[in-house]
Amino acid sequence: MNFKKNFGWIIAIVAGTVAIASAVTAFLIFKDKKKKDEEELEHYLDCSIQ
């Protein structure tokens, strides 16, 4: 009985860690994409002015 309880906690900790890592990864990808989009827009505006 004690083994099942400990195993459940291990699964919960691993799942929580994976969820946090996924959220951080998604945030970083979104931030990088936004930065690239802003750089492309700035480049386009600079080129269109010339």
PDB file of N, CA and C in Angstrom:
ATOM      1  N   MET A   1       0.827  -1.186   0.000  1.00  0.00           N
ATOM      2  CA  MET A   1       0.000   0.000   0.000  1.00  0.00           C
ATOM      3  C   MET A   1       0.877   1.257   0.000  1.00  0.00           C
ATOM      4  N   ASN A   2       1.926   1.250   0.783  1.00  0.00           N
ATOM      5  CA  ASN A   2       2.815   2.402   0.865  1.00  0.00           C
ATOM      6  C   ASN A   2       3.543   2.624  -0.460  1.00  0.00           C
ATOM      7  N   PHE A   3       3.877   1.533  -1.163  1.00  0.00           N
ATOM      8  CA  PHE A   3       4.558   1.637  -2.455  1.00  0.00           C
ATOM      9  C   PHE A   3       3.674   2.341  -3.474  1.00  0.00           C
ATOM     10  N   LYS A   4       2.385   2.007  -3.501  1.00  0.00           N
ATOM     11  CA  LYS A   4       1.461   2.636  -4.451  1.00  0.00           C
ATOM     12  C   LYS A   4       1.321   4.126  -4.167  1.00  0.00           C
ATOM     13  N   LYS A   5       1.308   4.480  -2.897  1.00  0.00           N
ATOM     14  CA  LYS A   5       1.192   5.892  -2.531  1.00  0.00           C
ATOM     15  C   LYS A   5       2.438   6.661  -2.970  1.00  0.00           C
ATOM     16  N   ASN A   6       3.610   6.098  -2.730  1.00  0.00           N
ATOM     17  CA  ASN A   6       4.859   6.735  -3.147  1.00  0.00           C
ATOM     18  C   ASN A   6       4.961   6.820  -4.670  1.00  0.00           C
ATOM     19  N   PHE A   7       4.533   5.757  -5.344  1.00  0.00           N
ATOM     20  CA  PHE A   7       4.558   5.741  -6.801  1.00  0.00           C
ATOM     21  C   PHE A   7       3.641   6.814  -7.366  1.00  0.00           C
ATOM     22  N   GLY A   8       2.515   7.009  -6.741  1.00  0.00           N
ATOM     23  CA  GLY A   8       1.582   8.056  -7.167  1.00  0.00           C
ATOM     24  C   GLY A   8       2.198   9.438  -7.026  1.00  0.00           C
ATOM     25  N   TRP A   9       2.921   9.663  -5.938  1.00  0.00           N
ATOM     26  CA  TRP A   9       3.585  10.955  -5.740  1.00  0.00           C
ATOM     27  C   TRP A   9       4.680  11.184  -6.777  1.00  0.00           C
ATOM     28  N   ILE A  10       5.409  10.115  -7.091  1.00  0.00           N
ATOM     29  CA  ILE A  10       6.466  10.227  -8.099  1.00  0.00           C
ATOM     30  C   ILE A  10       5.865  10.602  -9.450  1.00  0.00           C
ATOM     31  N   ILE A  11       4.772   9.940  -9.824  1.00  0.00           N
ATOM     32  CA  ILE A  11       4.090  10.243 -11.091  1.00  0.00           C
ATOM     33  C   ILE A  11       3.596  11.686 -11.088  1.00  0.00           C
ATOM     34  N   ALA A  12       3.037  12.136  -9.976  1.00  0.00           N
ATOM     35  CA  ALA A  12       2.529  13.507  -9.879  1.00  0.00           C
ATOM     36  C   ALA A  12       3.655  14.524 -10.012  1.00  0.00           C
ATOM     37  N   ILE A  13       4.781  14.267  -9.388  1.00  0.00           N
ATOM     38  CA  ILE A  13       5.931  15.187  -9.473  1.00  0.00           C
ATOM     39  C   ILE A  13       6.474  15.236 -10.896  1.00  0.00           C
ATOM     40  N   VAL A  14       6.604  14.082 -11.539  1.00  0.00           N
ATOM     41  CA  VAL A  14       7.104  14.036 -12.914  1.00  0.00           C
ATOM     42  C   VAL A  14       6.131  14.767 -13.845  1.00  0.00           C
ATOM     43  N   ALA A  15       4.836  14.537 -13.686  1.00  0.00           N
ATOM     44  CA  ALA A  15       3.845  15.194 -14.540  1.00  0.00           C
ATOM     45  C   ALA A  15       3.867  16.707 -14.329  1.00  0.00           C
ATOM     46  N   GLY A  16       4.009  17.135 -13.089  1.00  0.00           N
ATOM     47  CA  GLY A  16       4.095  18.569 -12.808  1.00  0.00           C
ATOM     48  C   GLY A  16       5.322  19.199 -13.422  1.00  0.00           C
ATOM     49  N   THR A  17       6.435  18.501 -13.330  1.00  0.00           N
ATOM     50  CA  THR A  17       7.682  19.000 -13.911  1.00  0.00           C
ATOM     51  C   THR A  17       7.566  19.111 -15.431  1.00  0.00           C
ATOM     52  N   VAL A  18       6.967  18.118 -16.050  1.00  0.00           N
ATOM     53  CA  VAL A  18       6.778  18.144 -17.502  1.00  0.00           C
ATOM     54  C   VAL A  18       5.849  19.293 -17.895  1.00  0.00           C
ATOM     55  N   ALA A  19       4.796  19.513 -17.127  1.00  0.00           N
ATOM     56  CA  ALA A  19       3.876  20.608 -17.435  1.00  0.00           C
ATOM     57  C   ALA A  19       4.571  21.960 -17.329  1.00  0.00           C
ATOM     58  N   ILE A  20       5.374  22.147 -16.309  1.00  0.00           N
ATOM     59  CA  ILE A  20       6.099  23.411 -16.143  1.00  0.00           C
ATOM     60  C   ILE A  20       7.107  23.601 -17.276  1.00  0.00           C
ATOM     61  N   ALA A  21       7.835  22.551 -17.600  1.00  0.00           N
ATOM     62  CA  ALA A  21       8.815  22.638 -18.688  1.00  0.00           C
ATOM     63  C   ALA A  21       8.129  22.954 -20.017  1.00  0.00           C
ATOM     64  N   SER A  22       6.979  22.368 -20.265  1.00  0.00           N
ATOM     65  CA  SER A  22       6.238  22.638 -21.497  1.00  0.00           C
ATOM     66  C   SER A  22       5.771  24.086 -21.550  1.00  0.00           C
ATOM     67  N   ALA A  23       5.285  24.597 -20.426  1.00  0.00           N
ATOM     68  CA  ALA A  23       4.822  25.983 -20.383  1.00  0.00           C
ATOM     69  C   ALA A  23       5.978  26.952 -20.617  1.00  0.00           C
ATOM     70  N   VAL A  24       7.117  26.703 -20.016  1.00  0.00           N
ATOM     71  CA  VAL A  24       8.283  27.575 -20.197  1.00  0.00           C
ATOM     72  C   VAL A  24       8.749  27.522 -21.651  1.00  0.00           C
ATOM     73  N   THR A  25       8.788  26.341 -22.234  1.00  0.00           N
ATOM     74  CA  THR A  25       9.205  26.192 -23.627  1.00  0.00           C
ATOM     75  C   THR A  25       8.255  26.938 -24.560  1.00  0.00           C
ATOM     76  N   ALA A  26       6.958  26.788 -24.339  1.00  0.00           N
ATOM     77  CA  ALA A  26       5.979  27.490 -25.170  1.00  0.00           C
ATOM     78  C   ALA A  26       6.143  28.997 -25.038  1.00  0.00           C
ATOM     79  N   PHE A  27       6.368  29.490 -23.837  1.00  0.00           N
ATOM     80  CA  PHE A  27       6.563  30.924 -23.621  1.00  0.00           C
ATOM     81  C   PHE A  27       7.790  31.420 -24.363  1.00  0.00           C
ATOM     82  N   LEU A  28       8.895  30.685 -24.276  1.00  0.00           N
ATOM     83  CA  LEU A  28      10.124  31.103 -24.936  1.00  0.00           C
ATOM     84  C   LEU A  28       9.980  31.086 -26.459  1.00  0.00           C
ATOM     85  N   ILE A  29       9.301  30.089 -26.986  1.00  0.00           N
ATOM     86  CA  ILE A  29       9.082  30.016 -28.433  1.00  0.00           C
ATOM     87  C   ILE A  29       8.210  31.186 -28.880  1.00  0.00           C
ATOM     88  N   PHE A  30       7.157  31.481 -28.118  1.00  0.00           N
ATOM     89  CA  PHE A  30       6.273  32.598 -28.451  1.00  0.00           C
ATOM     90  C   PHE A  30       7.027  33.922 -28.412  1.00  0.00           C
ATOM     91  N   LYS A  31       7.851  34.103 -27.394  1.00  0.00           N
ATOM     92  CA  LYS A  31       8.623  35.334 -27.257  1.00  0.00           C
ATOM     93  C   LYS A  31       9.600  35.484 -28.424  1.00  0.00           C
ATOM     94  N   ASP A  32      10.281  34.399 -28.803  1.00  0.00           N
ATOM     95  CA  ASP A  32      11.224  34.437 -29.909  1.00  0.00           C
ATOM     96  C   ASP A  32      10.515  34.737 -31.223  1.00  0.00           C
ATOM     97  N   LYS A  33       9.357  34.127 -31.430  1.00  0.00           N
ATOM     98  CA  LYS A  33       8.592  34.372 -32.653  1.00  0.00           C
ATOM     99  C   LYS A  33       8.149  35.823 -32.728  1.00  0.00           C
ATOM    100  N   LYS A  34       7.705  36.366 -31.619  1.00  0.00           N
ATOM    101  CA  LYS A  34       7.273  37.767 -31.596  1.00  0.00           C
ATOM    102  C   LYS A  34       8.441  38.690 -31.931  1.00  0.00           C
ATOM    103  N   LYS A  35       9.614  38.381 -31.393  1.00  0.00           N
ATOM    104  CA  LYS A  35      10.805  39.191 -31.667  1.00  0.00           C
ATOM    105  C   LYS A  35      11.159  39.131 -33.156  1.00  0.00           C
ATOM    106  N   LYS A  36      11.115  37.929 -33.748  1.00  0.00           N
ATOM    107  CA  LYS A  36      11.414  37.778 -35.168  1.00  0.00           C
ATOM    108  C   LYS A  36      10.407  38.544 -36.017  1.00  0.00           C
ATOM    109  N   ASP A  37       9.123  38.476 -35.660  1.00  0.00           N
ATOM    110  CA  ASP A  37       8.100  39.195 -36.410  1.00  0.00           C
ATOM    111  C   ASP A  37       8.340  40.702 -36.358  1.00  0.00           C
ATOM    112  N   GLU A  38       8.715  41.214 -35.202  1.00  0.00           N
ATOM    113  CA  GLU A  38       8.992  42.639 -35.067  1.00  0.00           C
ATOM    114  C   GLU A  38      10.206  43.040 -35.898  1.00  0.00           C
ATOM    115  N   GLU A  39      11.238  42.185 -35.914  1.00  0.00           N
ATOM    116  CA  GLU A  39      12.431  42.475 -36.716  1.00  0.00           C
ATOM    117  C   GLU A  39      12.101  42.468 -38.203  1.00  0.00           C
ATOM    118  N   GLU A  40      11.286  41.511 -38.641  1.00  0.00           N
ATOM    119  CA  GLU A  40      10.898  41.450 -40.045  1.00  0.00           C
ATOM    120  C   GLU A  40      10.070  42.674 -40.430  1.00  0.00           C
ATOM    121  N   LEU A  41       9.168  43.087 -39.563  1.00  0.00           N
ATOM    122  CA  LEU A  41       8.353  44.263 -39.832  1.00  0.00           C
ATOM    123  C   LEU A  41       9.232  45.510 -39.916  1.00  0.00           C
ATOM    124  N   GLU A  42      10.169  45.626 -39.003  1.00  0.00           N
ATOM    125  CA  GLU A  42      11.085  46.781 -39.018  1.00  0.00           C
ATOM    126  C   GLU A  42      11.903  46.784 -40.301  1.00  0.00           C
ATOM    127  N   HIS A  43      12.407  45.624 -40.721  1.00  0.00           N
ATOM    128  CA  HIS A  43      13.171  45.516 -41.962  1.00  0.00           C
ATOM    129  C   HIS A  43      12.290  45.897 -43.156  1.00  0.00           C
ATOM    130  N   TYR A  44      11.080  45.399 -43.183  1.00  0.00           N
ATOM    131  CA  TYR A  44      10.160  45.715 -44.284  1.00  0.00           C
ATOM    132  C   TYR A  44       9.886  47.215 -44.347  1.00  0.00           C
ATOM    133  N   LEU A  45       9.650  47.831 -43.197  1.00  0.00           N
ATOM    134  CA  LEU A  45       9.384  49.270 -43.172  1.00  0.00           C
ATOM    135  C   LEU A  45      10.599  50.060 -43.608  1.00  0.00           C
ATOM    136  N   ASP A  46      11.777  49.649 -43.165  1.00  0.00           N
ATOM    137  CA  ASP A  46      12.999  50.333 -43.584  1.00  0.00           C
ATOM    138  C   ASP A  46      13.198  50.243 -45.107  1.00  0.00           C
ATOM    139  N   CYS A  47      12.958  49.082 -45.653  1.00  0.00           N
ATOM    140  CA  CYS A  47      13.125  48.887 -47.092  1.00  0.00           C
ATOM    141  C   CYS A  47      12.068  49.629 -47.893  1.00  0.00           C
ATOM    142  N   SER A  48      10.856  49.698 -47.383  1.00  0.00           N
ATOM    143  CA  SER A  48       9.781  50.362 -48.122  1.00  0.00           C
ATOM    144  C   SER A  48       9.963  51.876 -48.120  1.00  0.00           C
ATOM    145  N   ILE A  49      10.625  52.417 -47.111  1.00  0.00           N
ATOM    146  CA  ILE A  49      10.872  53.849 -47.046  1.00  0.00           C
ATOM    147  C   ILE A  49      11.914  54.242 -48.090  1.00  0.00           C
ATOM    148  N   GLN A  50      12.897  53.398 -48.303  1.00  0.00           N
ATOM    149  CA  GLN A  50      13.977  53.720 -49.244  1.00  0.00           C
ATOM    150  C   GLN A  50      13.502  53.540 -50.616  1.00  0.00           C
TER     151      GLN A  50
END
